[in-house]
Amino acid sequence: MMTKRQTAIAVLTVAILATEAIPALSGGRDTDRTRAGRDRMVTTLAERYDIHDEAVLRAMARVPRHLFVPASQRRNAYEDRPLPIGYGQTISQPFIVAYMTQVIGVTEDSRVLEIGTGSGYQAAVLAEITDKVYTIEIVPELAMSAEEHLRLAEVDTVRVRHGDGYYGWPDAAPFDAIIVTAAAPHIPPPLIEQLKDGGKMVIPVGSPYLTQQLVLVEKEKGRPRTRNLIPVRFVPLTRQAEP
């Protein structure tokens, strides 16, 4: 017998998936199987991980994750784990995507910067909540493929730039929220500068290929306050070589 909380989650999940159906997509159609996969994924997010932000759950239910992974990985697209996307990079675990989005409190009015576009999936999730999403990818091939993934998923509001994310996107700042999807040895000062007063940033901090800490940065009166959230393992933040 389900508890009241489980019943509420089930009703919310069904309502989201019923009202937010995605049309068939070229290059990887949205089928009963992929929709069922998203259904299970969203239920897992709500029940196992207590992802409770309705906007986040709705976004996760809408975005076709199978379009953001290599064709060889599509059968695994809705499993709760990261998947390889080439060039030594991964698409993050669905829980991590949802958790980071929930932590920074994205709303329809938020101006958001993502560092580490990867496949484009995190940017697509953000774009379901706000139309002001900027994302930077240092690997040119991934930046190009992310734009193609976003096009196939019919996401046309994300601005993609190829470049070194350490320095952010100054001409688009300030940002209400910043998501960094690669581990840095420290919090890049340019990103703190580009965070709006009252804004939030979430970033994995620590040594490459070891367990890192997901850190929440909140900027108040020009000063950053940090708090460790959960242990994580991200690929390292890649930098351009110094001249």
C-alpha atoms as a PDB file:
ATOM      1  CA  MET A   1       0.000   0.000   0.000  1.00  0.00           C
ATOM      2  CA  MET A   2       1.423   3.401  -0.993  1.00  0.00           C
ATOM      3  CA  THR A   3       1.917   6.212   1.475  1.00  0.00           C
ATOM      4  CA  LYS A   4       0.363   9.633   0.848  1.00  0.00           C
ATOM      5  CA  ARG A   5       3.763  10.900  -0.338  1.00  0.00           C
ATOM      6  CA  GLN A   6       4.187   8.012  -2.818  1.00  0.00           C
ATOM      7  CA  THR A   7       0.650   8.536  -4.101  1.00  0.00           C
ATOM      8  CA  ALA A   8       1.306  12.262  -4.623  1.00  0.00           C
ATOM      9  CA  ILE A   9       4.524  11.486  -6.497  1.00  0.00           C
ATOM     10  CA  ALA A  10       2.781   8.935  -8.702  1.00  0.00           C
ATOM     11  CA  VAL A  11      -0.028  11.354  -9.540  1.00  0.00           C
ATOM     12  CA  LEU A  12       2.461  14.144 -10.289  1.00  0.00           C
ATOM     13  CA  THR A  13       4.563  11.882 -12.530  1.00  0.00           C
ATOM     14  CA  VAL A  14       1.565  10.625 -14.504  1.00  0.00           C
ATOM     15  CA  ALA A  15       0.223  14.164 -14.909  1.00  0.00           C
ATOM     16  CA  ILE A  16       3.553  15.456 -16.190  1.00  0.00           C
ATOM     17  CA  LEU A  17       4.033  12.655 -18.689  1.00  0.00           C
ATOM     18  CA  ALA A  18       0.445  12.797 -19.886  1.00  0.00           C
ATOM     19  CA  THR A  19       0.444  16.517 -20.580  1.00  0.00           C
ATOM     20  CA  GLU A  20       4.012  16.881 -21.854  1.00  0.00           C
ATOM     21  CA  ALA A  21       4.183  14.237 -24.603  1.00  0.00           C
ATOM     22  CA  ILE A  22       6.946  14.799 -27.150  1.00  0.00           C
ATOM     23  CA  PRO A  23       6.276  14.375 -30.883  1.00  0.00           C
ATOM     24  CA  ALA A  24       8.194  11.905 -33.041  1.00  0.00           C
ATOM     25  CA  LEU A  25      11.743  13.091 -33.660  1.00  0.00           C
ATOM     26  CA  SER A  26      13.982  12.448 -36.646  1.00  0.00           C
ATOM     27  CA  GLY A  27      17.195  10.535 -35.966  1.00  0.00           C
ATOM     28  CA  GLY A  28      15.677   8.675 -32.989  1.00  0.00           C
ATOM     29  CA  ARG A  29      11.914   8.624 -32.721  1.00  0.00           C
ATOM     30  CA  ASP A  30      10.156   9.029 -29.419  1.00  0.00           C
ATOM     31  CA  THR A  31       8.342   5.734 -28.973  1.00  0.00           C
ATOM     32  CA  ASP A  32       6.246   4.008 -26.319  1.00  0.00           C
ATOM     33  CA  ARG A  33       9.486   2.399 -25.133  1.00  0.00           C
ATOM     34  CA  THR A  34      11.395   5.689 -24.721  1.00  0.00           C
ATOM     35  CA  ARG A  35       8.412   7.348 -23.065  1.00  0.00           C
ATOM     36  CA  ALA A  36       8.151   4.415 -20.654  1.00  0.00           C
ATOM     37  CA  GLY A  37      11.871   4.811 -19.949  1.00  0.00           C
ATOM     38  CA  ARG A  38      11.384   8.465 -19.052  1.00  0.00           C
ATOM     39  CA  ASP A  39       8.395   7.539 -16.911  1.00  0.00           C
ATOM     40  CA  ARG A  40      10.559   5.153 -14.890  1.00  0.00           C
ATOM     41  CA  MET A  41      13.380   7.687 -14.730  1.00  0.00           C
ATOM     42  CA  VAL A  42      11.158  10.456 -13.354  1.00  0.00           C
ATOM     43  CA  THR A  43       9.575   8.092 -10.824  1.00  0.00           C
ATOM     44  CA  THR A  44      13.057   7.108  -9.627  1.00  0.00           C
ATOM     45  CA  LEU A  45      14.071  10.757  -9.303  1.00  0.00           C
ATOM     46  CA  ALA A  46      11.012  11.561  -7.209  1.00  0.00           C
ATOM     47  CA  GLU A  47      10.858   8.461  -5.022  1.00  0.00           C
ATOM     48  CA  ARG A  48      14.497   7.426  -4.543  1.00  0.00           C
ATOM     49  CA  TYR A  49      16.170  10.831  -4.603  1.00  0.00           C
ATOM     50  CA  ASP A  50      13.413  13.177  -3.444  1.00  0.00           C
ATOM     51  CA  ILE A  51      13.642  15.462  -6.461  1.00  0.00           C
ATOM     52  CA  HIS A  52      10.540  17.492  -5.665  1.00  0.00           C
ATOM     53  CA  ASP A  53      10.759  20.618  -7.841  1.00  0.00           C
ATOM     54  CA  GLU A  54       7.866  20.243 -10.282  1.00  0.00           C
ATOM     55  CA  ALA A  55       9.591  22.318 -12.961  1.00  0.00           C
ATOM     56  CA  VAL A  56      12.640  20.040 -12.801  1.00  0.00           C
ATOM     57  CA  LEU A  57      10.565  16.853 -12.942  1.00  0.00           C
ATOM     58  CA  ARG A  58       8.580  18.262 -15.858  1.00  0.00           C
ATOM     59  CA  ALA A  59      11.781  19.135 -17.713  1.00  0.00           C
ATOM     60  CA  MET A  60      13.277  15.680 -17.114  1.00  0.00           C
ATOM     61  CA  ALA A  61      10.042  14.137 -18.382  1.00  0.00           C
ATOM     62  CA  ARG A  62      10.080  16.173 -21.571  1.00  0.00           C
ATOM     63  CA  VAL A  63      13.679  15.962 -22.765  1.00  0.00           C
ATOM     64  CA  PRO A  64      14.411  12.844 -24.854  1.00  0.00           C
ATOM     65  CA  ARG A  65      17.684  11.719 -23.281  1.00  0.00           C
ATOM     66  CA  HIS A  66      18.117   9.033 -25.937  1.00  0.00           C
ATOM     67  CA  LEU A  67      18.808  11.786 -28.497  1.00  0.00           C
ATOM     68  CA  PHE A  68      21.794  13.000 -26.481  1.00  0.00           C
ATOM     69  CA  VAL A  69      23.732   9.723 -26.348  1.00  0.00           C
ATOM     70  CA  PRO A  70      25.512   7.742 -29.091  1.00  0.00           C
ATOM     71  CA  ALA A  71      23.280   5.354 -31.027  1.00  0.00           C
ATOM     72  CA  SER A  72      25.093   2.411 -29.402  1.00  0.00           C
ATOM     73  CA  GLN A  73      23.996   3.659 -25.950  1.00  0.00           C
ATOM     74  CA  ARG A  74      20.347   4.440 -26.687  1.00  0.00           C
ATOM     75  CA  ARG A  75      19.127   1.244 -25.079  1.00  0.00           C
ATOM     76  CA  ASN A  76      20.719   2.519 -21.833  1.00  0.00           C
ATOM     77  CA  ALA A  77      19.556   6.135 -22.172  1.00  0.00           C
ATOM     78  CA  TYR A  78      17.087   6.082 -19.281  1.00  0.00           C
ATOM     79  CA  GLU A  79      19.175   4.107 -16.822  1.00  0.00           C
ATOM     80  CA  ASP A  80      20.268   5.994 -13.735  1.00  0.00           C
ATOM     81  CA  ARG A  81      23.958   6.186 -14.619  1.00  0.00           C
ATOM     82  CA  PRO A  82      26.388   8.267 -16.676  1.00  0.00           C
ATOM     83  CA  LEU A  83      27.133   7.134 -20.231  1.00  0.00           C
ATOM     84  CA  PRO A  84      30.165   7.710 -22.481  1.00  0.00           C
ATOM     85  CA  ILE A  85      29.750  10.243 -25.299  1.00  0.00           C
ATOM     86  CA  GLY A  86      33.283  10.195 -26.696  1.00  0.00           C
ATOM     87  CA  TYR A  87      36.402  12.365 -26.281  1.00  0.00           C
ATOM     88  CA  GLY A  88      36.775  11.102 -22.718  1.00  0.00           C
ATOM     89  CA  GLN A  89      33.489  12.752 -21.674  1.00  0.00           C
ATOM     90  CA  THR A  90      30.175  11.461 -20.315  1.00  0.00           C
ATOM     91  CA  ILE A  91      26.537  12.450 -20.111  1.00  0.00           C
ATOM     92  CA  SER A  92      25.767  12.819 -16.415  1.00  0.00           C
ATOM     93  CA  GLN A  93      23.566  10.479 -14.422  1.00  0.00           C
ATOM     94  CA  PRO A  94      19.913  11.681 -14.548  1.00  0.00           C
ATOM     95  CA  PHE A  95      19.894  12.163 -10.768  1.00  0.00           C
ATOM     96  CA  ILE A  96      22.895  14.507 -10.956  1.00  0.00           C
ATOM     97  CA  VAL A  97      21.313  16.552 -13.753  1.00  0.00           C
ATOM     98  CA  ALA A  98      18.050  16.900 -11.823  1.00  0.00           C
ATOM     99  CA  TYR A  99      19.755  17.534  -8.481  1.00  0.00           C
ATOM    100  CA  MET A 100      22.050  20.279  -9.778  1.00  0.00           C
ATOM    101  CA  THR A 101      19.138  21.962 -11.564  1.00  0.00           C
ATOM    102  CA  GLN A 102      17.008  21.819  -8.415  1.00  0.00           C
ATOM    103  CA  VAL A 103      19.802  23.105  -6.145  1.00  0.00           C
ATOM    104  CA  ILE A 104      20.354  26.326  -8.103  1.00  0.00           C
ATOM    105  CA  GLY A 105      16.612  27.057  -8.163  1.00  0.00           C
ATOM    106  CA  VAL A 106      16.171  27.740 -11.883  1.00  0.00           C
ATOM    107  CA  THR A 107      12.963  29.602 -12.780  1.00  0.00           C
ATOM    108  CA  GLU A 108      11.514  30.869 -16.049  1.00  0.00           C
ATOM    109  CA  ASP A 109      13.214  34.220 -15.428  1.00  0.00           C
ATOM    110  CA  SER A 110      16.678  32.802 -14.703  1.00  0.00           C
ATOM    111  CA  ARG A 111      19.710  33.575 -16.840  1.00  0.00           C
ATOM    112  CA  VAL A 112      21.835  30.424 -16.657  1.00  0.00           C
ATOM    113  CA  LEU A 113      25.393  29.590 -17.678  1.00  0.00           C
ATOM    114  CA  GLU A 114      26.555  26.001 -18.075  1.00  0.00           C
ATOM    115  CA  ILE A 115      30.242  25.116 -18.224  1.00  0.00           C
ATOM    116  CA  GLY A 116      30.824  21.826 -20.061  1.00  0.00           C
ATOM    117  CA  THR A 117      28.109  21.356 -22.688  1.00  0.00           C
ATOM    118  CA  GLY A 118      29.047  17.760 -23.420  1.00  0.00           C
ATOM    119  CA  SER A 119      26.134  16.134 -25.211  1.00  0.00           C
ATOM    120  CA  GLY A 120      23.838  19.137 -24.657  1.00  0.00           C
ATOM    121  CA  TYR A 121      21.465  17.239 -22.347  1.00  0.00           C
ATOM    122  CA  GLN A 122      21.851  19.424 -19.249  1.00  0.00           C
ATOM    123  CA  ALA A 123      21.359  22.530 -21.399  1.00  0.00           C
ATOM    124  CA  ALA A 124      18.194  21.018 -22.893  1.00  0.00           C
ATOM    125  CA  VAL A 125      16.805  20.345 -19.408  1.00  0.00           C
ATOM    126  CA  LEU A 126      17.545  23.918 -18.370  1.00  0.00           C
ATOM    127  CA  ALA A 127      15.928  25.208 -21.576  1.00  0.00           C
ATOM    128  CA  GLU A 128      12.652  23.531 -20.602  1.00  0.00           C
ATOM    129  CA  ILE A 129      12.527  25.909 -17.622  1.00  0.00           C
ATOM    130  CA  THR A 130      14.060  29.114 -19.006  1.00  0.00           C
ATOM    131  CA  ASP A 131      14.816  30.450 -22.485  1.00  0.00           C
ATOM    132  CA  LYS A 132      18.019  32.163 -21.320  1.00  0.00           C
ATOM    133  CA  VAL A 133      20.586  29.346 -21.336  1.00  0.00           C
ATOM    134  CA  TYR A 134      24.254  29.825 -22.308  1.00  0.00           C
ATOM    135  CA  THR A 135      26.619  26.864 -22.513  1.00  0.00           C
ATOM    136  CA  ILE A 136      30.350  26.552 -23.225  1.00  0.00           C
ATOM    137  CA  GLU A 137      32.210  23.459 -24.471  1.00  0.00           C
ATOM    138  CA  ILE A 138      35.984  23.277 -24.934  1.00  0.00           C
ATOM    139  CA  VAL A 139      35.967  20.247 -27.274  1.00  0.00           C
ATOM    140  CA  PRO A 140      34.960  21.609 -30.703  1.00  0.00           C
ATOM    141  CA  GLU A 141      33.534  18.296 -31.908  1.00  0.00           C
ATOM    142  CA  LEU A 142      31.296  18.056 -28.843  1.00  0.00           C
ATOM    143  CA  ALA A 143      30.135  21.659 -29.230  1.00  0.00           C
ATOM    144  CA  MET A 144      29.096  20.882 -32.811  1.00  0.00           C
ATOM    145  CA  SER A 145      27.379  17.601 -31.938  1.00  0.00           C
ATOM    146  CA  ALA A 146      25.576  19.224 -28.981  1.00  0.00           C
ATOM    147  CA  GLU A 147      24.087  21.797 -31.347  1.00  0.00           C
ATOM    148  CA  GLU A 148      22.874  18.959 -33.570  1.00  0.00           C
ATOM    149  CA  HIS A 149      21.384  17.077 -30.600  1.00  0.00           C
ATOM    150  CA  LEU A 150      19.561  20.215 -29.493  1.00  0.00           C
ATOM    151  CA  ARG A 151      18.234  20.720 -33.024  1.00  0.00           C
ATOM    152  CA  LEU A 152      16.922  17.137 -33.178  1.00  0.00           C
ATOM    153  CA  ALA A 153      15.266  17.624 -29.787  1.00  0.00           C
ATOM    154  CA  GLU A 154      13.661  20.839 -31.120  1.00  0.00           C
ATOM    155  CA  VAL A 155      15.434  23.016 -28.537  1.00  0.00           C
ATOM    156  CA  ASP A 156      16.225  26.331 -30.218  1.00  0.00           C
ATOM    157  CA  THR A 157      16.837  28.752 -27.339  1.00  0.00           C
ATOM    158  CA  VAL A 158      20.234  27.512 -26.106  1.00  0.00           C
ATOM    159  CA  ARG A 159      23.331  29.534 -27.048  1.00  0.00           C
ATOM    160  CA  VAL A 160      26.346  27.233 -27.538  1.00  0.00           C
ATOM    161  CA  ARG A 161      29.918  28.516 -27.592  1.00  0.00           C
ATOM    162  CA  HIS A 162      33.207  26.689 -28.148  1.00  0.00           C
ATOM    163  CA  GLY A 163      35.786  27.907 -25.663  1.00  0.00           C
ATOM    164  CA  ASP A 164      37.486  27.615 -22.276  1.00  0.00           C
ATOM    165  CA  GLY A 165      34.713  27.612 -19.679  1.00  0.00           C
ATOM    166  CA  TYR A 166      37.081  28.690 -16.889  1.00  0.00           C
ATOM    167  CA  TYR A 167      36.633  32.255 -18.082  1.00  0.00           C
ATOM    168  CA  GLY A 168      32.862  32.046 -18.406  1.00  0.00           C
ATOM    169  CA  TRP A 169      30.873  34.190 -20.837  1.00  0.00           C
ATOM    170  CA  PRO A 170      31.548  37.823 -19.797  1.00  0.00           C
ATOM    171  CA  ASP A 171      29.475  39.512 -22.488  1.00  0.00           C
ATOM    172  CA  ALA A 172      26.375  37.567 -21.408  1.00  0.00           C
ATOM    173  CA  ALA A 173      26.875  38.081 -17.651  1.00  0.00           C
ATOM    174  CA  PRO A 174      25.678  38.491 -14.981  1.00  0.00           C
ATOM    175  CA  PHE A 175      23.989  35.123 -14.430  1.00  0.00           C
ATOM    176  CA  ASP A 176      21.363  34.125 -11.890  1.00  0.00           C
ATOM    177  CA  ALA A 177      22.758  30.607 -11.859  1.00  0.00           C
ATOM    178  CA  ILE A 178      25.846  28.742 -13.060  1.00  0.00           C
ATOM    179  CA  ILE A 179      26.217  24.973 -13.443  1.00  0.00           C
ATOM    180  CA  VAL A 180      29.683  23.480 -13.900  1.00  0.00           C
ATOM    181  CA  THR A 181      29.602  19.891 -15.140  1.00  0.00           C
ATOM    182  CA  ALA A 182      33.303  19.056 -14.802  1.00  0.00           C
ATOM    183  CA  ALA A 183      35.534  18.899 -11.737  1.00  0.00           C
ATOM    184  CA  ALA A 184      37.814  21.857 -11.052  1.00  0.00           C
ATOM    185  CA  PRO A 185      40.670  21.993  -8.532  1.00  0.00           C
ATOM    186  CA  HIS A 186      39.223  25.298  -7.298  1.00  0.00           C
ATOM    187  CA  ILE A 187      36.279  27.578  -8.004  1.00  0.00           C
ATOM    188  CA  PRO A 188      37.224  29.777 -10.996  1.00  0.00           C
ATOM    189  CA  PRO A 189      37.250  33.465  -9.937  1.00  0.00           C
ATOM    190  CA  PRO A 190      35.822  34.627 -13.299  1.00  0.00           C
ATOM    191  CA  LEU A 191      32.706  32.554 -12.653  1.00  0.00           C
ATOM    192  CA  ILE A 192      32.241  34.095  -9.215  1.00  0.00           C
ATOM    193  CA  GLU A 193      32.559  37.535 -10.793  1.00  0.00           C
ATOM    194  CA  GLN A 194      29.921  36.692 -13.417  1.00  0.00           C
ATOM    195  CA  LEU A 195      27.445  35.376 -10.825  1.00  0.00           C
ATOM    196  CA  LYS A 196      24.751  37.908 -10.013  1.00  0.00           C
ATOM    197  CA  ASP A 197      24.423  39.065  -6.421  1.00  0.00           C
ATOM    198  CA  GLY A 198      21.932  36.671  -4.871  1.00  0.00           C
ATOM    199  CA  GLY A 199      22.787  34.048  -7.487  1.00  0.00           C
ATOM    200  CA  LYS A 200      23.867  30.428  -7.057  1.00  0.00           C
ATOM    201  CA  MET A 201      26.535  28.255  -8.636  1.00  0.00           C
ATOM    202  CA  VAL A 202      27.001  24.511  -8.288  1.00  0.00           C
ATOM    203  CA  ILE A 203      30.381  23.022  -9.129  1.00  0.00           C
ATOM    204  CA  PRO A 204      32.281  19.789  -8.415  1.00  0.00           C
ATOM    205  CA  VAL A 205      35.593  20.606  -6.728  1.00  0.00           C
ATOM    206  CA  GLY A 206      38.462  18.185  -6.213  1.00  0.00           C
ATOM    207  CA  SER A 207      41.132  16.056  -7.821  1.00  0.00           C
ATOM    208  CA  PRO A 208      40.576  14.544 -11.277  1.00  0.00           C
ATOM    209  CA  TYR A 209      39.219  10.983 -11.372  1.00  0.00           C
ATOM    210  CA  LEU A 210      38.846  10.854  -7.577  1.00  0.00           C
ATOM    211  CA  THR A 211      35.840  11.547  -5.391  1.00  0.00           C
ATOM    212  CA  GLN A 212      35.060  15.271  -5.376  1.00  0.00           C
ATOM    213  CA  GLN A 213      32.633  17.464  -3.468  1.00  0.00           C
ATOM    214  CA  LEU A 214      29.694  19.090  -5.190  1.00  0.00           C
ATOM    215  CA  VAL A 215      29.866  22.630  -3.867  1.00  0.00           C
ATOM    216  CA  LEU A 216      27.079  25.192  -3.731  1.00  0.00           C
ATOM    217  CA  VAL A 217      28.279  28.801  -4.077  1.00  0.00           C
ATOM    218  CA  GLU A 218      25.882  31.568  -3.030  1.00  0.00           C
ATOM    219  CA  LYS A 219      26.866  35.167  -3.676  1.00  0.00           C
ATOM    220  CA  GLU A 220      25.671  37.782  -1.215  1.00  0.00           C
ATOM    221  CA  LYS A 221      26.794  41.429  -1.205  1.00  0.00           C
ATOM    222  CA  GLY A 222      29.575  40.567  -3.608  1.00  0.00           C
ATOM    223  CA  ARG A 223      30.969  37.797  -1.426  1.00  0.00           C
ATOM    224  CA  PRO A 224      30.713  34.046  -2.139  1.00  0.00           C
ATOM    225  CA  ARG A 225      29.609  31.606   0.536  1.00  0.00           C
ATOM    226  CA  THR A 226      30.280  27.909  -0.100  1.00  0.00           C
ATOM    227  CA  ARG A 227      28.716  24.718   1.189  1.00  0.00           C
ATOM    228  CA  ASN A 228      29.555  21.102   0.419  1.00  0.00           C
ATOM    229  CA  LEU A 229      26.545  19.117  -0.779  1.00  0.00           C
ATOM    230  CA  ILE A 230      27.329  15.527  -1.809  1.00  0.00           C
ATOM    231  CA  PRO A 231      30.354  13.482  -2.917  1.00  0.00           C
ATOM    232  CA  VAL A 232      30.518  13.073  -6.708  1.00  0.00           C
ATOM    233  CA  ARG A 233      32.839  11.915  -9.491  1.00  0.00           C
ATOM    234  CA  PHE A 234      33.077  14.103 -12.590  1.00  0.00           C
ATOM    235  CA  VAL A 235      35.530  14.190 -15.476  1.00  0.00           C
ATOM    236  CA  PRO A 236      38.087  17.006 -15.031  1.00  0.00           C
ATOM    237  CA  LEU A 237      37.502  20.530 -16.260  1.00  0.00           C
ATOM    238  CA  THR A 238      39.615  20.780 -19.413  1.00  0.00           C
ATOM    239  CA  ARG A 239      41.590  23.967 -19.977  1.00  0.00           C
ATOM    240  CA  GLN A 240      43.135  25.487 -23.075  1.00  0.00           C
ATOM    241  CA  ALA A 241      46.910  25.388 -23.098  1.00  0.00           C
ATOM    242  CA  GLU A 242      48.584  28.618 -22.020  1.00  0.00           C
ATOM    243  CA  PRO A 243      50.391  30.413 -24.885  1.00  0.00           C
END
